Amino acid sequence: MKHIKHSLLVSTSFLLVLSLSACSGMSKQDKGTAIGAGVGAVGGSVLTGGSAIGTVGGAAVGGVIGHEISKP
């Protein structure tokens, strides 16, 4: 069990670093869209009690708002 937890931690850390490096070439508006989608997904999930539809809806709304707010 200890080996599985360690492997999961290493895998998660690697994926986090990989995903952050993918953001380095993004424009300000792209980053705003991604952040808005992430925040919207969490908000939608919390407000609907973990519903998949609420999470996806929140991500869509958050992405649109993040895109519009970060326009140049």
PDB file of N, CA and C in Angstrom:
ATOM      1  N   MET A   1       0.822  -1.185   0.000  1.00  0.00           N
ATOM      2  CA  MET A   1       0.000   0.000   0.000  1.00  0.00           C
ATOM      3  C   MET A   1       0.868   1.252   0.000  1.00  0.00           C
ATOM      4  N   LYS A   2       1.965   1.207   0.740  1.00  0.00           N
ATOM      5  CA  LYS A   2       2.855   2.354   0.804  1.00  0.00           C
ATOM      6  C   LYS A   2       3.468   2.632  -0.570  1.00  0.00           C
ATOM      7  N   HIS A   3       3.780   1.566  -1.311  1.00  0.00           N
ATOM      8  CA  HIS A   3       4.361   1.713  -2.647  1.00  0.00           C
ATOM      9  C   HIS A   3       3.357   2.367  -3.606  1.00  0.00           C
ATOM     10  N   ILE A   4       2.104   1.998  -3.493  1.00  0.00           N
ATOM     11  CA  ILE A   4       1.068   2.561  -4.360  1.00  0.00           C
ATOM     12  C   ILE A   4       0.894   4.052  -4.087  1.00  0.00           C
ATOM     13  N   LYS A   5       0.881   4.438  -2.814  1.00  0.00           N
ATOM     14  CA  LYS A   5       0.742   5.857  -2.475  1.00  0.00           C
ATOM     15  C   LYS A   5       1.929   6.662  -2.994  1.00  0.00           C
ATOM     16  N   HIS A   6       3.116   6.090  -2.883  1.00  0.00           N
ATOM     17  CA  HIS A   6       4.309   6.788  -3.364  1.00  0.00           C
ATOM     18  C   HIS A   6       4.262   6.941  -4.879  1.00  0.00           C
ATOM     19  N   SER A   7       3.862   5.887  -5.580  1.00  0.00           N
ATOM     20  CA  SER A   7       3.756   5.952  -7.037  1.00  0.00           C
ATOM     21  C   SER A   7       2.720   6.977  -7.475  1.00  0.00           C
ATOM     22  N   LEU A   8       1.616   7.019  -6.747  1.00  0.00           N
ATOM     23  CA  LEU A   8       0.565   7.990  -7.059  1.00  0.00           C
ATOM     24  C   LEU A   8       1.061   9.415  -6.842  1.00  0.00           C
ATOM     25  N   LEU A   9       1.797   9.646  -5.773  1.00  0.00           N
ATOM     26  CA  LEU A   9       2.346  10.971  -5.491  1.00  0.00           C
ATOM     27  C   LEU A   9       3.335  11.396  -6.568  1.00  0.00           C
ATOM     28  N   VAL A  10       4.206  10.497  -6.970  1.00  0.00           N
ATOM     29  CA  VAL A  10       5.191  10.815  -8.008  1.00  0.00           C
ATOM     30  C   VAL A  10       4.493  11.087  -9.335  1.00  0.00           C
ATOM     31  N   SER A  11       3.510  10.279  -9.688  1.00  0.00           N
ATOM     32  CA  SER A  11       2.777  10.468 -10.944  1.00  0.00           C
ATOM     33  C   SER A  11       2.021  11.786 -10.961  1.00  0.00           C
ATOM     34  N   THR A  12       1.375  12.101  -9.856  1.00  0.00           N
ATOM     35  CA  THR A  12       0.626  13.348  -9.763  1.00  0.00           C
ATOM     36  C   THR A  12       1.556  14.557  -9.857  1.00  0.00           C
ATOM     37  N   SER A  13       2.681  14.472  -9.181  1.00  0.00           N
ATOM     38  CA  SER A  13       3.655  15.570  -9.231  1.00  0.00           C
ATOM     39  C   SER A  13       4.180  15.773 -10.642  1.00  0.00           C
ATOM     40  N   PHE A  14       4.473  14.679 -11.327  1.00  0.00           N
ATOM     41  CA  PHE A  14       4.969  14.754 -12.694  1.00  0.00           C
ATOM     42  C   PHE A  14       3.931  15.388 -13.618  1.00  0.00           C
ATOM     43  N   LEU A  15       2.680  14.966 -13.485  1.00  0.00           N
ATOM     44  CA  LEU A  15       1.624  15.533 -14.331  1.00  0.00           C
ATOM     45  C   LEU A  15       1.396  17.010 -14.041  1.00  0.00           C
ATOM     46  N   LEU A  16       1.532  17.410 -12.779  1.00  0.00           N
ATOM     47  CA  LEU A  16       1.381  18.817 -12.426  1.00  0.00           C
ATOM     48  C   LEU A  16       2.469  19.665 -13.077  1.00  0.00           C
ATOM     49  N   VAL A  17       3.701  19.202 -13.001  1.00  0.00           N
ATOM     50  CA  VAL A  17       4.818  19.935 -13.611  1.00  0.00           C
ATOM     51  C   VAL A  17       4.645  19.983 -15.123  1.00  0.00           C
ATOM     52  N   LEU A  18       4.224  18.877 -15.713  1.00  0.00           N
ATOM     53  CA  LEU A  18       4.015  18.832 -17.157  1.00  0.00           C
ATOM     54  C   LEU A  18       2.917  19.792 -17.586  1.00  0.00           C
ATOM     55  N   SER A  19       1.826  19.849 -16.838  1.00  0.00           N
ATOM     56  CA  SER A  19       0.732  20.742 -17.217  1.00  0.00           C
ATOM     57  C   SER A  19       1.115  22.210 -17.035  1.00  0.00           C
ATOM     58  N   LEU A  20       1.914  22.515 -16.024  1.00  0.00           N
ATOM     59  CA  LEU A  20       2.353  23.897 -15.837  1.00  0.00           C
ATOM     60  C   LEU A  20       3.304  24.338 -16.945  1.00  0.00           C
ATOM     61  N   SER A  21       4.125  23.432 -17.419  1.00  0.00           N
ATOM     62  CA  SER A  21       5.043  23.794 -18.498  1.00  0.00           C
ATOM     63  C   SER A  21       4.285  24.037 -19.800  1.00  0.00           C
ATOM     64  N   ALA A  22       3.137  23.415 -19.952  1.00  0.00           N
ATOM     65  CA  ALA A  22       2.328  23.629 -21.153  1.00  0.00           C
ATOM     66  C   ALA A  22       1.747  25.036 -21.187  1.00  0.00           C
ATOM     67  N   CYS A  23       1.621  25.677 -20.046  1.00  0.00           N
ATOM     68  CA  CYS A  23       1.054  27.026 -19.972  1.00  0.00           C
ATOM     69  C   CYS A  23       2.062  28.112 -20.329  1.00  0.00           C
ATOM     70  N   SER A  24       3.319  27.773 -20.450  1.00  0.00           N
ATOM     71  CA  SER A  24       4.337  28.810 -20.656  1.00  0.00           C
ATOM     72  C   SER A  24       4.187  29.531 -21.995  1.00  0.00           C
ATOM     73  N   GLY A  25       3.669  28.878 -23.002  1.00  0.00           N
ATOM     74  CA  GLY A  25       3.518  29.501 -24.310  1.00  0.00           C
ATOM     75  C   GLY A  25       2.147  30.098 -24.556  1.00  0.00           C
ATOM     76  N   MET A  26       1.302  30.081 -23.542  1.00  0.00           N
ATOM     77  CA  MET A  26      -0.064  30.570 -23.723  1.00  0.00           C
ATOM     78  C   MET A  26      -0.113  32.095 -23.632  1.00  0.00           C
ATOM     79  N   SER A  27      -1.052  32.668 -24.358  1.00  0.00           N
ATOM     80  CA  SER A  27      -1.259  34.110 -24.265  1.00  0.00           C
ATOM     81  C   SER A  27      -2.003  34.430 -22.966  1.00  0.00           C
ATOM     82  N   LYS A  28      -2.080  35.710 -22.644  1.00  0.00           N
ATOM     83  CA  LYS A  28      -2.782  36.136 -21.435  1.00  0.00           C
ATOM     84  C   LYS A  28      -4.254  35.732 -21.506  1.00  0.00           C
ATOM     85  N   GLN A  29      -4.832  35.837 -22.691  1.00  0.00           N
ATOM     86  CA  GLN A  29      -6.242  35.498 -22.853  1.00  0.00           C
ATOM     87  C   GLN A  29      -6.456  33.989 -22.719  1.00  0.00           C
ATOM     88  N   ASP A  30      -5.528  33.186 -23.250  1.00  0.00           N
ATOM     89  CA  ASP A  30      -5.634  31.733 -23.104  1.00  0.00           C
ATOM     90  C   ASP A  30      -5.537  31.316 -21.644  1.00  0.00           C
ATOM     91  N   LYS A  31      -4.620  31.946 -20.915  1.00  0.00           N
ATOM     92  CA  LYS A  31      -4.479  31.642 -19.488  1.00  0.00           C
ATOM     93  C   LYS A  31      -5.740  32.040 -18.733  1.00  0.00           C
ATOM     94  N   GLY A  32      -6.310  33.184 -19.070  1.00  0.00           N
ATOM     95  CA  GLY A  32      -7.545  33.623 -18.432  1.00  0.00           C
ATOM     96  C   GLY A  32      -8.688  32.651 -18.675  1.00  0.00           C
ATOM     97  N   THR A  33      -8.758  32.132 -19.900  1.00  0.00           N
ATOM     98  CA  THR A  33      -9.788  31.150 -20.239  1.00  0.00           C
ATOM     99  C   THR A  33      -9.595  29.870 -19.437  1.00  0.00           C
ATOM    100  N   ALA A  34      -8.355  29.386 -19.364  1.00  0.00           N
ATOM    101  CA  ALA A  34      -8.072  28.147 -18.634  1.00  0.00           C
ATOM    102  C   ALA A  34      -8.350  28.313 -17.141  1.00  0.00           C
ATOM    103  N   ILE A  35      -7.929  29.422 -16.569  1.00  0.00           N
ATOM    104  CA  ILE A  35      -8.165  29.651 -15.143  1.00  0.00           C
ATOM    105  C   ILE A  35      -9.664  29.787 -14.872  1.00  0.00           C
ATOM    106  N   GLY A  36     -10.353  30.514 -15.731  1.00  0.00           N
ATOM    107  CA  GLY A  36     -11.798  30.662 -15.570  1.00  0.00           C
ATOM    108  C   GLY A  36     -12.522  29.329 -15.657  1.00  0.00           C
ATOM    109  N   ALA A  37     -12.100  28.481 -16.583  1.00  0.00           N
ATOM    110  CA  ALA A  37     -12.720  27.166 -16.714  1.00  0.00           C
ATOM    111  C   ALA A  37     -12.472  26.309 -15.478  1.00  0.00           C
ATOM    112  N   GLY A  38     -11.264  26.378 -14.945  1.00  0.00           N
ATOM    113  CA  GLY A  38     -10.954  25.606 -13.744  1.00  0.00           C
ATOM    114  C   GLY A  38     -11.748  26.065 -12.538  1.00  0.00           C
ATOM    115  N   VAL A  39     -11.797  27.369 -12.339  1.00  0.00           N
ATOM    116  CA  VAL A  39     -12.550  27.921 -11.213  1.00  0.00           C
ATOM    117  C   VAL A  39     -14.045  27.653 -11.393  1.00  0.00           C
ATOM    118  N   GLY A  40     -14.519  27.788 -12.620  1.00  0.00           N
ATOM    119  CA  GLY A  40     -15.927  27.521 -12.893  1.00  0.00           C
ATOM    120  C   GLY A  40     -16.299  26.064 -12.663  1.00  0.00           C
ATOM    121  N   ALA A  41     -15.404  25.156 -13.021  1.00  0.00           N
ATOM    122  CA  ALA A  41     -15.662  23.733 -12.815  1.00  0.00           C
ATOM    123  C   ALA A  41     -15.769  23.414 -11.326  1.00  0.00           C
ATOM    124  N   VAL A  42     -14.867  23.972 -10.540  1.00  0.00           N
ATOM    125  CA  VAL A  42     -14.921  23.744  -9.089  1.00  0.00           C
ATOM    126  C   VAL A  42     -16.194  24.351  -8.512  1.00  0.00           C
ATOM    127  N   GLY A  43     -16.497  25.582  -8.921  1.00  0.00           N
ATOM    128  CA  GLY A  43     -17.710  26.236  -8.436  1.00  0.00           C
ATOM    129  C   GLY A  43     -18.971  25.488  -8.827  1.00  0.00           C
ATOM    130  N   GLY A  44     -19.043  25.050 -10.063  1.00  0.00           N
ATOM    131  CA  GLY A  44     -20.206  24.299 -10.519  1.00  0.00           C
ATOM    132  C   GLY A  44     -20.368  22.985  -9.783  1.00  0.00           C
ATOM    133  N   SER A  45     -19.260  22.337  -9.507  1.00  0.00           N
ATOM    134  CA  SER A  45     -19.301  21.072  -8.774  1.00  0.00           C
ATOM    135  C   SER A  45     -19.773  21.282  -7.342  1.00  0.00           C
ATOM    136  N   VAL A  46     -19.266  22.325  -6.704  1.00  0.00           N
ATOM    137  CA  VAL A  46     -19.651  22.607  -5.314  1.00  0.00           C
ATOM    138  C   VAL A  46     -21.138  22.984  -5.240  1.00  0.00           C
ATOM    139  N   LEU A  47     -21.574  23.838  -6.149  1.00  0.00           N
ATOM    140  CA  LEU A  47     -22.960  24.306  -6.098  1.00  0.00           C
ATOM    141  C   LEU A  47     -23.981  23.216  -6.411  1.00  0.00           C
ATOM    142  N   THR A  48     -23.582  22.206  -7.201  1.00  0.00           N
ATOM    143  CA  THR A  48     -24.527  21.158  -7.574  1.00  0.00           C
ATOM    144  C   THR A  48     -24.275  19.843  -6.842  1.00  0.00           C
ATOM    145  N   GLY A  49     -23.417  19.862  -5.859  1.00  0.00           N
ATOM    146  CA  GLY A  49     -23.170  18.643  -5.090  1.00  0.00           C
ATOM    147  C   GLY A  49     -22.381  17.592  -5.840  1.00  0.00           C
ATOM    148  N   GLY A  50     -21.537  17.992  -6.746  1.00  0.00           N
ATOM    149  CA  GLY A  50     -20.685  17.052  -7.480  1.00  0.00           C
ATOM    150  C   GLY A  50     -21.290  16.532  -8.763  1.00  0.00           C
ATOM    151  N   SER A  51     -22.368  17.113  -9.216  1.00  0.00           N
ATOM    152  CA  SER A  51     -23.016  16.694 -10.455  1.00  0.00           C
ATOM    153  C   SER A  51     -22.092  16.928 -11.652  1.00  0.00           C
ATOM    154  N   ALA A  52     -22.036  15.971 -12.553  1.00  0.00           N
ATOM    155  CA  ALA A  52     -21.198  16.101 -13.748  1.00  0.00           C
ATOM    156  C   ALA A  52     -21.682  17.256 -14.629  1.00  0.00           C
ATOM    157  N   ILE A  53     -22.976  17.381 -14.754  1.00  0.00           N
ATOM    158  CA  ILE A  53     -23.539  18.455 -15.582  1.00  0.00           C
ATOM    159  C   ILE A  53     -23.212  19.819 -14.972  1.00  0.00           C
ATOM    160  N   GLY A  54     -23.290  19.927 -13.650  1.00  0.00           N
ATOM    161  CA  GLY A  54     -22.947  21.178 -12.978  1.00  0.00           C
ATOM    162  C   GLY A  54     -21.480  21.527 -13.147  1.00  0.00           C
ATOM    163  N   THR A  55     -20.621  20.506 -13.102  1.00  0.00           N
ATOM    164  CA  THR A  55     -19.187  20.731 -13.268  1.00  0.00           C
ATOM    165  C   THR A  55     -18.869  21.203 -14.683  1.00  0.00           C
ATOM    166  N   VAL A  56     -19.434  20.526 -15.667  1.00  0.00           N
ATOM    167  CA  VAL A  56     -19.193  20.907 -17.067  1.00  0.00           C
ATOM    168  C   VAL A  56     -19.794  22.277 -17.363  1.00  0.00           C
ATOM    169  N   GLY A  57     -20.982  22.526 -16.858  1.00  0.00           N
ATOM    170  CA  GLY A  57     -21.612  23.834 -17.057  1.00  0.00           C
ATOM    171  C   GLY A  57     -20.808  24.945 -16.421  1.00  0.00           C
ATOM    172  N   GLY A  58     -20.321  24.698 -15.220  1.00  0.00           N
ATOM    173  CA  GLY A  58     -19.496  25.688 -14.534  1.00  0.00           C
ATOM    174  C   GLY A  58     -18.203  25.959 -15.282  1.00  0.00           C
ATOM    175  N   ALA A  59     -17.610  24.900 -15.831  1.00  0.00           N
ATOM    176  CA  ALA A  59     -16.379  25.065 -16.607  1.00  0.00           C
ATOM    177  C   ALA A  59     -16.635  25.898 -17.860  1.00  0.00           C
ATOM    178  N   ALA A  60     -17.751  25.639 -18.516  1.00  0.00           N
ATOM    179  CA  ALA A  60     -18.070  26.386 -19.736  1.00  0.00           C
ATOM    180  C   ALA A  60     -18.308  27.865 -19.431  1.00  0.00           C
ATOM    181  N   VAL A  61     -19.109  28.121 -18.409  1.00  0.00           N
ATOM    182  CA  VAL A  61     -19.398  29.515 -18.046  1.00  0.00           C
ATOM    183  C   VAL A  61     -18.131  30.215 -17.564  1.00  0.00           C
ATOM    184  N   GLY A  62     -17.353  29.538 -16.728  1.00  0.00           N
ATOM    185  CA  GLY A  62     -16.108  30.120 -16.232  1.00  0.00           C
ATOM    186  C   GLY A  62     -15.118  30.392 -17.344  1.00  0.00           C
ATOM    187  N   GLY A  63     -15.040  29.493 -18.321  1.00  0.00           N
ATOM    188  CA  GLY A  63     -14.144  29.696 -19.455  1.00  0.00           C
ATOM    189  C   GLY A  63     -14.522  30.922 -20.269  1.00  0.00           C
ATOM    190  N   VAL A  64     -15.814  31.087 -20.504  1.00  0.00           N
ATOM    191  CA  VAL A  64     -16.282  32.249 -21.263  1.00  0.00           C
ATOM    192  C   VAL A  64     -15.995  33.539 -20.495  1.00  0.00           C
ATOM    193  N   ILE A  65     -16.283  33.522 -19.194  1.00  0.00           N
ATOM    194  CA  ILE A  65     -16.038  34.723 -18.387  1.00  0.00           C
ATOM    195  C   ILE A  65     -14.546  35.040 -18.339  1.00  0.00           C
ATOM    196  N   GLY A  66     -13.708  34.013 -18.120  1.00  0.00           N
ATOM    197  CA  GLY A  66     -12.260  34.230 -18.097  1.00  0.00           C
ATOM    198  C   GLY A  66     -11.738  34.748 -19.419  1.00  0.00           C
ATOM    199  N   HIS A  67     -12.299  34.268 -20.507  1.00  0.00           N
ATOM    200  CA  HIS A  67     -11.901  34.720 -21.845  1.00  0.00           C
ATOM    201  C   HIS A  67     -12.257  36.186 -22.051  1.00  0.00           C
ATOM    202  N   GLU A  68     -13.456  36.557 -21.645  1.00  0.00           N
ATOM    203  CA  GLU A  68     -13.904  37.938 -21.836  1.00  0.00           C
ATOM    204  C   GLU A  68     -13.164  38.919 -20.922  1.00  0.00           C
ATOM    205  N   ILE A  69     -12.905  38.505 -19.682  1.00  0.00           N
ATOM    206  CA  ILE A  69     -12.221  39.398 -18.740  1.00  0.00           C
ATOM    207  C   ILE A  69     -10.787  39.668 -19.177  1.00  0.00           C
ATOM    208  N   SER A  70     -10.135  38.661 -19.740  1.00  0.00           N
ATOM    209  CA  SER A  70      -8.718  38.815 -20.085  1.00  0.00           C
ATOM    210  C   SER A  70      -8.487  39.321 -21.504  1.00  0.00           C
ATOM    211  N   LYS A  71      -9.523  39.825 -22.157  1.00  0.00           N
ATOM    212  CA  LYS A  71      -9.336  40.402 -23.496  1.00  0.00           C
ATOM    213  C   LYS A  71      -8.401  41.602 -23.420  1.00  0.00           C
ATOM    214  N   PRO A  72      -7.547  41.737 -24.427  1.00  0.00           N
ATOM    215  CA  PRO A  72      -6.621  42.891 -24.414  1.00  0.00           C
ATOM    216  C   PRO A  72      -7.332  44.215 -24.604  1.00  0.00           C
TER     217      PRO A  72
END
